[in-house]
N, C-alpha and C. Protein backbone atom coordinates (compact mmCIF):
# COMPACT_ATOMS: atom_id res chain seq x y z
N MET A 1 101.59 136.39 158.55
CA MET A 1 101.97 137.23 157.40
C MET A 1 101.06 137.07 156.13
N ALA A 2 99.74 137.78 156.01
CA ALA A 2 98.67 137.63 155.15
C ALA A 2 99.92 137.87 153.64
N THR A 3 100.04 137.11 153.16
CA THR A 3 101.36 137.82 151.82
C THR A 3 100.26 138.94 150.48
N GLU A 4 100.80 139.45 150.15
CA GLU A 4 99.88 140.76 149.51
C GLU A 4 100.13 140.11 148.23
N LYS A 5 98.62 140.07 147.38
CA LYS A 5 98.44 139.48 146.17
C LYS A 5 99.38 139.89 145.13
N GLU A 6 99.38 141.53 145.04
CA GLU A 6 100.26 142.63 144.61
C GLU A 6 102.02 141.72 144.37
N ASN A 7 101.98 141.05 145.56
CA ASN A 7 103.60 141.48 146.16
C ASN A 7 104.32 139.79 145.13
N VAL A 8 102.83 138.49 145.08
CA VAL A 8 102.82 137.33 144.56
C VAL A 8 102.93 137.51 143.22
N LEU A 9 101.90 138.33 142.67
CA LEU A 9 102.00 138.36 141.09
C LEU A 9 102.50 138.72 140.18
N PRO A 10 102.74 138.08 139.40
CA PRO A 10 104.17 139.06 138.23
C PRO A 10 102.72 139.52 137.37
N MET A 11 103.36 140.90 136.94
CA MET A 11 102.43 142.07 136.59
C MET A 11 102.22 141.04 134.89
N ILE A 12 101.14 141.15 134.70
CA ILE A 12 100.64 140.72 133.76
C ILE A 12 100.98 141.91 132.61
N GLY A 13 101.10 141.57 131.11
CA GLY A 13 101.64 142.47 129.79
C GLY A 13 99.66 142.21 129.05
N ALA A 14 99.88 143.29 127.98
CA ALA A 14 98.61 143.32 126.99
C ALA A 14 98.95 142.64 126.29
N GLN A 15 100.44 141.52 125.83
CA GLN A 15 99.91 141.03 124.61
C GLN A 15 98.86 139.69 125.46
N ALA A 16 97.91 139.34 124.31
CA ALA A 16 97.33 138.21 124.40
C ALA A 16 97.24 137.25 123.38
N THR A 17 96.85 135.94 123.31
CA THR A 17 96.61 135.84 122.33
C THR A 17 95.12 134.39 122.39
N GLU A 18 94.96 134.83 121.05
CA GLU A 18 93.07 134.04 121.82
C GLU A 18 93.51 132.72 121.51
N MET A 19 92.69 131.60 122.89
CA MET A 19 92.99 130.34 122.52
C MET A 19 91.57 129.71 123.03
N ARG A 20 90.61 129.52 122.05
CA ARG A 20 89.88 129.47 122.47
C ARG A 20 89.81 127.58 123.05
N GLY A 21 88.84 127.56 124.36
CA GLY A 21 88.29 126.74 124.87
C GLY A 21 89.78 126.08 125.81
N LEU A 22 90.34 127.12 126.21
CA LEU A 22 91.57 126.61 127.10
C LEU A 22 91.53 126.46 128.56
N THR A 23 91.66 125.48 128.45
CA THR A 23 91.00 124.48 130.06
C THR A 23 92.56 125.01 131.15
N ARG A 24 91.90 124.32 132.57
CA ARG A 24 92.76 125.15 133.42
C ARG A 24 94.16 124.14 133.80
N ARG A 25 94.15 122.84 133.08
CA ARG A 25 94.71 122.29 133.23
C ARG A 25 96.32 122.78 131.80
N GLU A 26 95.56 123.43 130.73
CA GLU A 26 96.15 123.33 129.33
C GLU A 26 97.00 124.73 129.99
N MET A 27 96.52 125.39 130.63
CA MET A 27 97.20 126.88 131.12
C MET A 27 98.27 126.62 131.96
N VAL A 28 98.27 125.68 132.95
CA VAL A 28 99.00 124.99 133.85
C VAL A 28 100.35 124.06 132.80
N GLN A 29 99.63 123.82 132.23
CA GLN A 29 101.02 123.78 131.27
C GLN A 29 101.90 124.56 130.63
N ARG A 30 101.29 125.40 130.22
CA ARG A 30 101.53 126.43 129.04
C ARG A 30 102.65 127.04 130.72
N LEU A 31 101.89 127.18 132.17
CA LEU A 31 102.79 128.04 133.04
C LEU A 31 104.09 126.87 132.61
N LEU A 32 104.01 126.06 133.21
CA LEU A 32 105.19 125.28 133.71
C LEU A 32 106.01 124.94 132.36
N ALA A 33 105.83 124.88 131.09
CA ALA A 33 106.84 125.03 130.15
C ALA A 33 107.40 126.20 129.89
N GLY A 34 106.44 127.38 130.27
CA GLY A 34 107.45 128.75 130.01
C GLY A 34 108.65 128.84 131.43
N ALA A 35 107.99 128.17 132.57
CA ALA A 35 108.92 128.33 133.92
C ALA A 35 109.89 127.14 133.89
N GLY A 36 110.18 126.33 132.86
CA GLY A 36 111.01 125.23 132.31
C GLY A 36 112.44 125.69 131.42
N ALA A 37 111.17 127.08 131.32
CA ALA A 37 112.93 127.71 130.12
C ALA A 37 113.24 129.39 130.82
N GLY A 38 112.83 129.12 131.44
CA GLY A 38 113.37 130.08 132.34
C GLY A 38 112.24 131.52 132.89
N ALA A 39 111.49 131.43 132.38
CA ALA A 39 110.43 132.67 132.57
C ALA A 39 109.93 132.39 134.31
N ALA A 40 109.52 133.22 134.71
CA ALA A 40 109.14 133.68 136.36
C ALA A 40 107.48 133.42 136.31
N TRP A 41 107.19 132.35 136.94
CA TRP A 41 105.82 131.84 137.77
C TRP A 41 105.85 132.19 138.93
N PRO A 42 104.53 132.70 139.06
CA PRO A 42 104.13 132.38 141.14
C PRO A 42 103.64 131.23 141.65
N LEU A 43 104.08 130.22 141.29
CA LEU A 43 103.60 129.17 141.59
C LEU A 43 104.61 128.66 142.50
N VAL A 44 105.41 127.29 142.09
CA VAL A 44 106.92 126.72 142.44
C VAL A 44 107.78 126.07 142.01
N ALA A 45 109.13 126.34 142.37
CA ALA A 45 110.39 126.30 142.35
C ALA A 45 110.37 124.57 141.99
N ALA A 46 111.04 124.51 140.69
CA ALA A 46 110.98 123.29 139.88
C ALA A 46 111.90 122.07 140.71
N SER A 47 112.65 122.57 141.95
CA SER A 47 113.00 121.59 143.27
C SER A 47 111.75 121.54 144.01
N HIS A 48 110.71 121.39 144.15
CA HIS A 48 109.78 121.28 145.36
C HIS A 48 108.64 120.23 144.56
N PRO A 49 108.29 119.11 145.35
CA PRO A 49 106.88 118.40 144.73
C PRO A 49 105.88 118.41 144.83
N MET A 50 105.78 119.42 145.01
CA MET A 50 104.83 120.16 143.89
C MET A 50 104.96 120.51 142.70
N TYR A 51 105.79 120.58 141.54
CA TYR A 51 106.13 120.81 140.48
C TYR A 51 105.41 119.50 139.95
N GLU A 52 106.16 118.22 140.46
CA GLU A 52 105.63 117.24 139.55
C GLU A 52 104.79 116.98 139.60
N HIS A 53 103.17 117.14 140.92
CA HIS A 53 102.08 116.87 140.55
C HIS A 53 101.15 117.66 139.43
N LEU A 54 102.36 119.31 139.35
CA LEU A 54 101.00 119.69 138.30
C LEU A 54 101.44 119.39 137.36
N LYS A 55 102.78 118.59 136.94
CA LYS A 55 103.07 117.98 135.83
C LYS A 55 102.18 116.33 134.96
N ASN A 56 101.22 116.31 135.86
CA ASN A 56 100.15 115.14 136.34
C ASN A 56 98.77 115.77 135.56
N ASP A 57 98.59 115.00 134.71
CA ASP A 57 97.58 115.23 133.67
C ASP A 57 95.67 115.13 135.00
N ALA A 58 95.93 113.77 135.36
CA ALA A 58 94.87 113.54 135.84
C ALA A 58 94.68 114.10 137.12
N ILE A 59 95.94 114.87 137.84
CA ILE A 59 95.56 115.98 138.78
C ILE A 59 94.15 116.39 138.96
N PHE A 60 94.26 117.37 137.90
CA PHE A 60 93.35 118.19 137.97
C PHE A 60 91.28 117.56 138.11
N ALA A 61 91.46 116.12 137.03
CA ALA A 61 90.02 115.84 137.49
C ALA A 61 89.77 115.69 138.46
N GLU A 62 90.76 115.27 139.66
CA GLU A 62 90.27 114.86 141.11
C GLU A 62 90.05 116.19 141.65
N ALA A 63 91.34 117.50 141.28
CA ALA A 63 90.69 118.72 142.34
C ALA A 63 89.71 118.99 141.72
N GLU A 64 88.61 118.85 140.92
CA GLU A 64 87.53 118.97 140.77
C GLU A 64 86.48 118.27 141.56
N LYS A 65 86.91 117.13 141.81
CA LYS A 65 86.51 116.61 142.74
C LYS A 65 86.15 116.80 143.83
N LEU A 66 86.92 117.11 144.54
CA LEU A 66 87.77 118.18 145.65
C LEU A 66 86.65 118.91 146.00
N GLU A 67 85.89 119.82 145.12
CA GLU A 67 85.98 121.42 145.16
C GLU A 67 84.29 120.96 145.07
N GLU A 68 83.62 119.95 144.69
CA GLU A 68 82.31 119.37 144.51
C GLU A 68 81.75 118.43 146.18
N ALA A 69 82.99 118.48 146.62
CA ALA A 69 82.62 117.02 147.31
C ALA A 69 82.33 117.81 149.05
N ALA A 70 80.84 117.46 149.63
CA ALA A 70 79.93 118.30 150.66
C ALA A 70 80.23 117.67 151.19
N ASP A 71 80.88 116.60 151.42
CA ASP A 71 81.49 115.27 152.79
C ASP A 71 82.62 115.16 152.87
N TRP A 72 84.05 116.24 152.20
CA TRP A 72 84.96 115.97 151.97
C TRP A 72 85.83 115.58 153.34
N LYS A 73 86.36 114.73 153.51
CA LYS A 73 87.22 114.58 154.74
C LYS A 73 88.66 114.15 154.16
N PRO A 74 89.56 114.68 155.30
CA PRO A 74 91.05 114.86 154.40
C PRO A 74 91.18 112.91 154.68
N VAL A 75 92.38 112.91 153.48
CA VAL A 75 92.55 111.45 153.23
C VAL A 75 94.47 111.46 153.91
N PHE A 76 94.86 111.84 154.06
CA PHE A 76 96.30 111.61 154.02
C PHE A 76 96.38 112.41 156.06
N LEU A 77 96.22 114.03 156.16
CA LEU A 77 96.48 114.48 157.24
C LEU A 77 95.05 114.29 158.46
N SER A 78 95.03 114.68 159.57
CA SER A 78 94.36 114.55 160.41
C SER A 78 92.97 115.29 160.39
N ALA A 79 92.74 115.53 161.17
CA ALA A 79 91.35 117.06 161.25
C ALA A 79 92.09 118.00 161.76
N GLN A 80 92.63 118.07 162.76
CA GLN A 80 93.59 119.10 163.46
C GLN A 80 94.47 119.31 163.09
N GLN A 81 95.53 118.60 161.64
CA GLN A 81 96.30 118.97 160.66
C GLN A 81 95.89 119.85 159.40
N SER A 82 95.00 118.67 159.12
CA SER A 82 93.92 119.78 158.06
C SER A 82 93.49 121.48 158.15
N GLU A 83 92.60 121.23 159.21
CA GLU A 83 92.86 122.58 160.16
C GLU A 83 93.99 124.26 160.20
N ASP A 84 95.37 122.85 161.03
CA ASP A 84 96.25 123.78 161.01
C ASP A 84 97.03 124.00 159.40
N LEU A 85 96.91 123.80 158.49
CA LEU A 85 97.12 123.77 157.32
C LEU A 85 96.00 124.88 156.11
N ALA A 86 94.51 124.69 156.71
CA ALA A 86 93.99 125.59 155.83
C ALA A 86 94.50 126.96 156.79
N ALA A 87 94.40 127.33 157.78
CA ALA A 87 95.02 128.20 158.81
C ALA A 87 95.74 129.13 157.94
N LEU A 88 97.11 128.67 157.35
CA LEU A 88 98.33 128.53 157.34
C LEU A 88 98.41 129.23 155.58
N ALA A 89 97.34 128.25 155.27
CA ALA A 89 97.29 128.76 153.70
C ALA A 89 96.81 130.00 153.66
N GLU A 90 95.94 130.49 154.52
CA GLU A 90 94.65 131.66 153.95
C GLU A 90 96.32 133.04 154.58
N SER A 91 96.70 132.42 155.37
CA SER A 91 97.40 133.73 155.84
C SER A 91 98.38 133.77 154.80
N ILE A 92 99.16 132.82 154.28
CA ILE A 92 100.40 132.50 153.03
C ILE A 92 99.97 133.36 151.77
N VAL A 93 98.21 132.81 151.73
CA VAL A 93 97.85 133.61 150.38
C VAL A 93 96.38 133.60 150.27
N PRO A 94 96.06 134.69 151.00
CA PRO A 94 94.84 134.78 151.26
C PRO A 94 93.84 134.83 149.73
N GLY A 95 92.46 134.13 150.17
CA GLY A 95 91.63 133.61 149.03
C GLY A 95 91.77 131.97 149.16
N SER A 96 93.39 131.62 150.09
CA SER A 96 93.42 130.01 149.81
C SER A 96 92.08 128.53 150.33
N THR A 97 91.24 129.07 151.32
CA THR A 97 90.36 128.88 151.90
C THR A 97 89.22 128.41 150.68
N ARG A 98 89.10 129.71 150.24
CA ARG A 98 87.74 129.51 149.04
C ARG A 98 88.48 128.85 147.66
N ALA A 99 89.88 128.48 147.57
CA ALA A 99 90.43 128.03 146.16
C ALA A 99 90.92 126.56 146.73
N ARG A 100 90.15 125.88 148.03
CA ARG A 100 90.17 124.47 148.60
C ARG A 100 92.08 123.96 148.24
N VAL A 101 92.66 124.79 148.74
CA VAL A 101 93.82 124.61 149.04
C VAL A 101 94.29 123.51 149.18
N SER A 102 93.87 124.02 151.41
CA SER A 102 94.06 122.47 152.16
C SER A 102 93.28 121.07 151.58
N ARG A 103 92.28 121.02 150.49
CA ARG A 103 92.19 119.92 150.62
C ARG A 103 92.89 119.27 149.06
N PHE A 104 93.00 120.00 148.70
CA PHE A 104 94.35 119.67 147.55
C PHE A 104 95.67 119.12 147.58
N ILE A 105 95.98 119.73 148.87
CA ILE A 105 97.34 119.69 149.13
C ILE A 105 96.99 117.98 150.24
N ASP A 106 95.97 117.58 150.32
CA ASP A 106 95.54 116.79 150.86
C ASP A 106 96.27 115.59 150.69
N LEU A 107 95.23 115.50 148.83
CA LEU A 107 94.85 115.13 148.30
C LEU A 107 96.71 114.35 147.65
N LEU A 108 97.09 115.74 147.66
CA LEU A 108 99.05 115.43 147.07
C LEU A 108 99.61 114.39 147.72
N LEU A 109 99.47 114.93 148.93
CA LEU A 109 100.19 114.12 150.10
C LEU A 109 99.59 112.71 150.15
N SER A 110 98.25 112.28 149.90
CA SER A 110 97.91 111.25 150.14
C SER A 110 98.87 109.94 149.21
N VAL A 111 99.29 110.57 147.50
CA VAL A 111 100.01 109.43 146.75
C VAL A 111 101.47 110.35 146.44
N ASP A 112 101.67 111.13 146.87
CA ASP A 112 103.57 111.31 147.45
C ASP A 112 104.56 110.60 148.04
N LYS A 113 105.78 110.57 147.75
CA LYS A 113 106.12 109.58 148.51
C LYS A 113 106.65 110.11 150.07
N LEU A 114 106.65 108.68 150.73
CA LEU A 114 107.47 109.02 152.59
C LEU A 114 107.71 110.58 152.37
N GLU A 115 109.42 110.05 151.74
CA GLU A 115 110.40 112.09 152.37
C GLU A 115 109.39 112.98 152.28
N ASN A 116 108.46 112.82 150.85
CA ASN A 116 107.92 114.58 151.16
C ASN A 116 106.70 114.97 152.01
N GLN A 117 106.55 113.51 152.12
CA GLN A 117 105.37 113.51 153.28
C GLN A 117 105.97 113.96 154.83
N GLN A 118 106.93 113.26 155.00
CA GLN A 118 107.46 113.52 156.38
C GLN A 118 107.86 114.93 156.09
N GLN A 119 108.62 115.56 155.06
CA GLN A 119 109.55 117.29 155.16
C GLN A 119 107.87 117.85 155.43
N PHE A 120 106.74 117.56 154.64
CA PHE A 120 105.71 118.54 155.08
C PHE A 120 105.01 118.57 156.27
N LEU A 121 104.80 117.34 156.87
CA LEU A 121 104.19 117.05 158.33
C LEU A 121 105.69 117.95 159.51
N ARG A 122 106.82 117.88 159.05
CA ARG A 122 107.79 118.75 159.48
C ARG A 122 107.99 120.44 159.95
N SER A 123 107.02 120.44 158.44
CA SER A 123 106.84 122.01 158.59
C SER A 123 105.96 122.50 158.80
N LEU A 124 104.62 121.87 158.83
CA LEU A 124 103.46 122.04 159.36
C LEU A 124 103.74 121.68 161.06
N SER A 125 104.00 120.92 161.25
CA SER A 125 103.82 121.14 163.04
C SER A 125 105.36 122.44 163.72
N ALA A 126 106.27 122.42 162.79
CA ALA A 126 106.98 123.50 163.04
C ALA A 126 106.45 125.64 164.02
N PHE A 127 105.67 125.51 162.48
CA PHE A 127 104.48 126.70 162.91
C PHE A 127 103.37 125.90 164.34
N GLN A 128 102.72 125.25 164.25
CA GLN A 128 102.28 124.80 165.57
C GLN A 128 102.94 124.68 166.76
N VAL A 129 104.39 124.24 166.95
CA VAL A 129 105.21 124.38 168.10
C VAL A 129 105.67 125.55 168.41
N GLU A 130 105.93 126.69 167.34
CA GLU A 130 106.52 127.76 167.61
C GLU A 130 104.65 128.82 167.94
N ALA A 131 103.92 128.58 168.02
CA ALA A 131 102.54 129.34 168.06
C ALA A 131 102.46 129.05 169.69
N GLN A 132 102.55 127.68 169.80
CA GLN A 132 102.34 127.58 170.97
C GLN A 132 103.82 128.27 172.25
N LYS A 133 104.90 128.19 171.43
CA LYS A 133 105.75 128.72 172.61
C LYS A 133 105.68 129.96 172.71
N ARG A 134 105.40 131.11 171.27
CA ARG A 134 105.07 132.03 171.55
C ARG A 134 104.05 132.96 171.63
N PHE A 135 102.41 132.12 171.99
CA PHE A 135 101.48 132.85 172.19
C PHE A 135 100.63 131.85 172.83
N GLY A 136 101.23 130.55 173.63
CA GLY A 136 100.39 129.80 174.05
C GLY A 136 99.01 129.03 173.37
N LYS A 137 98.93 129.13 172.02
CA LYS A 137 97.70 128.80 171.47
C LYS A 137 98.15 128.13 169.86
N ARG A 138 97.89 127.13 169.27
CA ARG A 138 97.91 126.40 168.14
C ARG A 138 97.30 127.62 167.11
N PHE A 139 98.01 127.59 166.07
CA PHE A 139 98.15 129.05 164.47
C PHE A 139 96.40 129.02 164.37
N PRO A 140 95.55 128.54 164.35
CA PRO A 140 94.43 128.68 163.59
C PRO A 140 93.44 129.61 164.74
N ALA A 141 94.24 129.69 166.37
CA ALA A 141 93.75 130.07 167.11
C ALA A 141 94.27 131.78 167.45
N LEU A 142 95.35 131.35 166.67
CA LEU A 142 95.99 133.42 166.95
C LEU A 142 94.76 134.28 166.15
N THR A 143 96.06 135.17 166.51
CA THR A 143 94.83 136.74 166.14
C THR A 143 95.81 136.46 164.73
N GLN A 144 95.07 137.62 163.68
CA GLN A 144 95.30 138.04 162.64
C GLN A 144 97.24 138.73 163.13
N GLU A 145 97.24 139.12 163.74
CA GLU A 145 98.36 139.95 163.66
C GLU A 145 99.87 138.83 164.37
N GLN A 146 99.35 137.76 165.14
CA GLN A 146 100.34 137.42 165.71
C GLN A 146 100.44 136.43 164.62
N LYS A 147 99.41 135.83 163.54
CA LYS A 147 100.21 135.09 162.36
C LYS A 147 100.99 135.56 161.90
N ASN A 148 100.70 137.05 161.05
CA ASN A 148 101.59 137.81 160.41
C ASN A 148 103.17 138.08 161.24
N THR A 149 102.47 138.09 162.71
CA THR A 149 104.13 138.05 162.52
C THR A 149 104.83 136.96 162.76
N LEU A 150 104.49 135.57 162.85
CA LEU A 150 105.19 134.59 162.93
C LEU A 150 105.28 134.24 161.36
N LEU A 151 104.50 134.41 160.55
CA LEU A 151 104.91 133.97 159.35
C LEU A 151 106.00 134.99 159.02
N SER A 152 105.84 136.17 158.88
CA SER A 152 107.20 137.54 158.47
C SER A 152 107.94 136.82 159.17
N GLU A 153 108.29 136.72 160.03
CA GLU A 153 109.79 136.06 160.82
C GLU A 153 110.29 134.97 160.16
N ALA A 154 109.31 133.63 159.74
CA ALA A 154 110.16 132.89 159.17
C ALA A 154 110.27 133.12 157.79
N ALA A 155 109.46 134.45 157.20
CA ALA A 155 109.60 134.53 155.75
C ALA A 155 111.09 135.86 155.45
N THR A 156 111.19 135.76 156.77
CA THR A 156 112.80 137.04 156.72
C THR A 156 114.00 136.25 155.74
N ASN A 157 114.36 136.86 155.22
CA ASN A 157 115.81 136.15 154.52
C ASN A 157 116.36 135.51 154.38
N PRO A 158 116.28 134.77 154.04
CA PRO A 158 117.18 133.39 153.89
C PRO A 158 117.90 133.41 153.25
N GLY A 159 118.10 133.81 151.98
CA GLY A 159 119.31 133.57 150.60
C GLY A 159 118.43 132.82 149.67
N ASN A 160 119.49 132.26 149.55
CA ASN A 160 118.20 130.84 147.95
C ASN A 160 117.26 130.01 148.60
N SER A 161 116.11 130.74 147.96
CA SER A 161 114.87 129.52 148.54
C SER A 161 114.85 128.46 148.12
N GLU A 162 115.84 128.28 146.87
CA GLU A 162 115.80 126.07 146.87
C GLU A 162 116.65 125.70 147.50
N ALA A 163 117.97 126.46 148.34
CA ALA A 163 118.28 125.76 149.28
C ALA A 163 117.90 125.51 150.81
N ALA A 164 116.75 126.87 151.17
CA ALA A 164 116.15 126.65 152.05
C ALA A 164 114.94 125.38 152.09
N HIS A 165 114.66 125.44 150.96
CA HIS A 165 113.98 124.60 150.39
C HIS A 165 114.61 123.00 151.24
N ALA A 166 115.64 122.92 150.28
CA ALA A 166 116.65 121.35 150.33
C ALA A 166 116.87 120.97 151.87
N GLN A 167 116.93 122.06 152.73
CA GLN A 167 117.18 121.80 153.84
C GLN A 167 116.11 121.06 155.24
N VAL A 168 115.02 121.49 154.49
CA VAL A 168 113.76 120.58 155.03
C VAL A 168 114.03 119.35 155.58
N VAL A 169 114.78 118.98 154.33
CA VAL A 169 115.30 117.24 154.47
C VAL A 169 116.09 116.65 156.21
N LYS A 170 116.31 117.61 156.86
CA LYS A 170 116.89 117.80 157.74
C LYS A 170 115.58 117.69 159.23
N THR A 171 116.40 116.80 160.06
CA THR A 171 115.48 117.32 161.61
C THR A 171 115.47 118.27 161.94
N VAL A 172 116.25 119.00 161.71
CA VAL A 172 116.39 120.37 162.22
C VAL A 172 116.34 121.53 161.37
N SER A 173 115.63 122.01 161.42
CA SER A 173 115.62 122.55 160.29
C SER A 173 115.02 124.70 160.45
N PRO A 174 115.72 125.50 159.86
CA PRO A 174 115.58 126.79 160.06
C PRO A 174 114.23 127.11 159.51
N PRO A 175 113.11 127.94 160.55
CA PRO A 175 112.17 128.28 160.25
C PRO A 175 111.87 128.65 159.29
N HIS A 176 113.05 129.81 158.32
CA HIS A 176 112.43 130.16 157.07
C HIS A 176 112.50 128.58 155.91
N ALA A 177 113.62 127.72 156.13
CA ALA A 177 113.19 126.11 155.47
C ALA A 177 111.58 125.79 154.85
N HIS A 178 111.34 125.85 156.54
CA HIS A 178 109.66 125.28 156.60
C HIS A 178 109.07 126.56 156.03
N PHE A 179 108.96 127.23 155.96
CA PHE A 179 108.24 128.47 155.47
C PHE A 179 107.82 128.09 154.11
N GLU A 180 109.32 128.19 153.45
CA GLU A 180 109.54 127.85 151.84
C GLU A 180 108.60 126.91 151.44
N ASN A 181 108.56 125.71 152.44
CA ASN A 181 108.26 124.59 151.69
C ASN A 181 106.79 124.76 152.17
N LEU A 182 106.06 125.02 153.06
CA LEU A 182 104.93 124.98 153.34
C LEU A 182 104.31 125.84 151.70
N LYS A 183 105.38 127.38 152.04
CA LYS A 183 104.66 128.23 150.40
C LYS A 183 104.69 127.44 149.23
N GLY A 184 105.59 126.41 149.16
CA GLY A 184 105.61 126.14 147.93
C GLY A 184 103.87 125.35 147.62
N TRP A 185 103.89 124.73 148.17
CA TRP A 185 103.05 123.82 148.10
C TRP A 185 101.53 124.80 148.78
N VAL A 186 101.58 125.53 149.27
CA VAL A 186 99.85 126.48 148.81
C VAL A 186 100.52 127.36 147.46
N SER A 187 101.47 127.80 147.39
CA SER A 187 101.03 128.22 145.90
C SER A 187 100.60 127.98 145.06
N GLY A 188 101.82 126.32 144.79
CA GLY A 188 101.60 125.51 143.73
C GLY A 188 99.76 125.70 143.78
N ALA A 189 99.66 124.71 144.90
CA ALA A 189 97.64 124.65 144.60
C ALA A 189 97.05 125.78 145.02
N TYR A 190 97.05 126.96 144.45
CA TYR A 190 96.22 128.06 145.03
C TYR A 190 96.19 128.68 143.08
N TYR A 191 97.66 128.70 142.51
CA TYR A 191 97.30 129.30 141.28
C TYR A 191 97.20 127.80 140.25
N SER A 192 97.41 126.85 141.30
CA SER A 192 96.72 125.91 139.83
C SER A 192 95.32 125.97 139.99
N SER A 193 94.31 126.44 141.07
CA SER A 193 92.97 126.14 141.23
C SER A 193 92.56 127.16 140.00
N GLU A 194 91.24 127.17 140.25
CA GLU A 194 90.21 127.94 138.82
C GLU A 194 90.21 129.29 139.40
N VAL A 195 90.36 129.65 140.98
CA VAL A 195 90.09 131.06 141.54
C VAL A 195 91.79 131.67 141.12
N GLY A 196 93.20 131.25 141.84
CA GLY A 196 94.18 131.35 141.22
C GLY A 196 94.67 131.67 139.96
N MET A 197 93.94 130.51 138.96
CA MET A 197 94.39 130.87 137.40
C MET A 197 93.66 132.00 136.78
N ARG A 198 92.41 132.16 137.26
CA ARG A 198 91.85 134.03 136.81
C ARG A 198 92.54 134.53 137.50
N GLU A 199 93.24 135.19 138.18
CA GLU A 199 94.39 135.98 138.90
C GLU A 199 95.38 136.11 138.24
N LEU A 200 95.51 135.03 137.73
CA LEU A 200 96.83 135.05 136.60
C LEU A 200 95.89 135.94 135.10
N GLY A 201 95.15 135.55 134.73
CA GLY A 201 94.40 136.27 133.65
C GLY A 201 94.14 134.71 132.69
N TRP A 202 93.84 133.89 133.09
CA TRP A 202 93.14 132.95 132.63
C TRP A 202 91.46 133.18 133.14
N THR A 203 90.73 133.29 131.20
CA THR A 203 89.48 133.06 131.35
C THR A 203 88.49 132.15 130.92
N GLY A 204 89.57 130.65 130.38
CA GLY A 204 89.01 129.67 129.36
C GLY A 204 88.79 130.37 127.97
N ASP A 205 88.72 131.20 127.60
CA ASP A 205 88.67 132.04 126.30
C ASP A 205 90.27 132.27 125.62
N TYR A 206 91.07 132.49 126.33
CA TYR A 206 92.42 132.99 126.39
C TYR A 206 93.58 132.53 127.16
N ALA A 207 94.68 132.63 126.62
CA ALA A 207 95.53 132.65 127.69
C ALA A 207 96.93 133.84 127.62
N PHE A 208 97.51 134.58 128.14
CA PHE A 208 98.75 135.48 127.57
C PHE A 208 99.89 134.72 126.91
N ALA A 209 100.40 135.66 125.84
CA ALA A 209 100.98 134.78 124.90
C ALA A 209 102.83 134.59 125.70
N GLU A 210 102.77 135.52 126.53
CA GLU A 210 104.21 135.39 127.98
C GLU A 210 103.60 135.33 128.99
N PHE A 211 104.45 135.32 129.98
CA PHE A 211 104.23 135.51 130.59
C PHE A 211 105.81 136.43 131.59
N PRO A 212 105.83 137.83 132.56
CA PRO A 212 106.95 138.39 132.08
C PRO A 212 107.06 138.28 133.33
N GLY A 213 108.87 139.13 133.51
CA GLY A 213 109.62 138.70 134.87
C GLY A 213 108.79 139.03 135.93
N CYS A 214 109.08 138.90 137.27
CA CYS A 214 108.55 138.98 138.59
C CYS A 214 108.08 140.23 139.00
N ALA A 215 107.67 140.44 139.16
CA ALA A 215 108.26 142.70 139.34
C ALA A 215 109.10 142.47 140.88
N HIS A 216 108.73 141.56 141.69
CA HIS A 216 108.96 142.15 143.17
C HIS A 216 110.12 141.15 143.56
N THR A 217 110.51 141.94 144.80
CA THR A 217 111.74 141.21 145.48
C THR A 217 111.44 140.58 146.79
N GLY A 218 112.80 140.00 147.42
CA GLY A 218 112.61 140.19 148.53
C GLY A 218 111.77 138.63 149.30
N GLU A 219 110.87 139.25 150.21
CA GLU A 219 110.16 137.66 150.94
C GLU A 219 109.06 137.44 150.39
N ASN A 220 108.75 137.93 149.78
CA ASN A 220 107.16 137.63 149.72
C ASN A 220 107.23 136.88 147.84
N HIS A 221 108.38 137.02 147.40
CA HIS A 221 109.20 136.20 145.93
C HIS A 221 108.31 134.40 146.01
């Protein structure tokens, strides 16, 4: 399921406040502060491991190095897992490849705690197992229609997304819990990248005075 961008992003209002020289890091911190106050934000739930990473100022300096590295290799993931993640990320949030989402997630996982690492690998593996079972191929080798089928089914009606994420700690989790876990990592990495930040209205010169409530509902929330 290539998640439609318009179904992921909230509508950005007209009120804008001039904030010259606003950096990407400052924009993310501003969004985090708004999310903490109850405002909608298309990145990630506060219960997700990605949320804590985005509060770390040093992470953005490291992210910029990843974007520039011509000889990049994964630190935490295997080469195959990195390929699987890149394909899943692009299907969940189109544009993730250009935003170097898989590189950023690999960096974050390399310094995360064991529990979060294991949860991530279970979720990543769950989609590879399902792809093999349903179509006899790894996820990156599937057609776009097949990818959409797997992700759309996994995204279907879970109930509470934070509860779904909590279920990933179990060895056997429902597909939706794995989808929500991966979506949190991918959307957090994407919408804190320069590419994603610009979609949210960041130009480096100004930020929006407020971030209105999310206009969409359902599986693409």
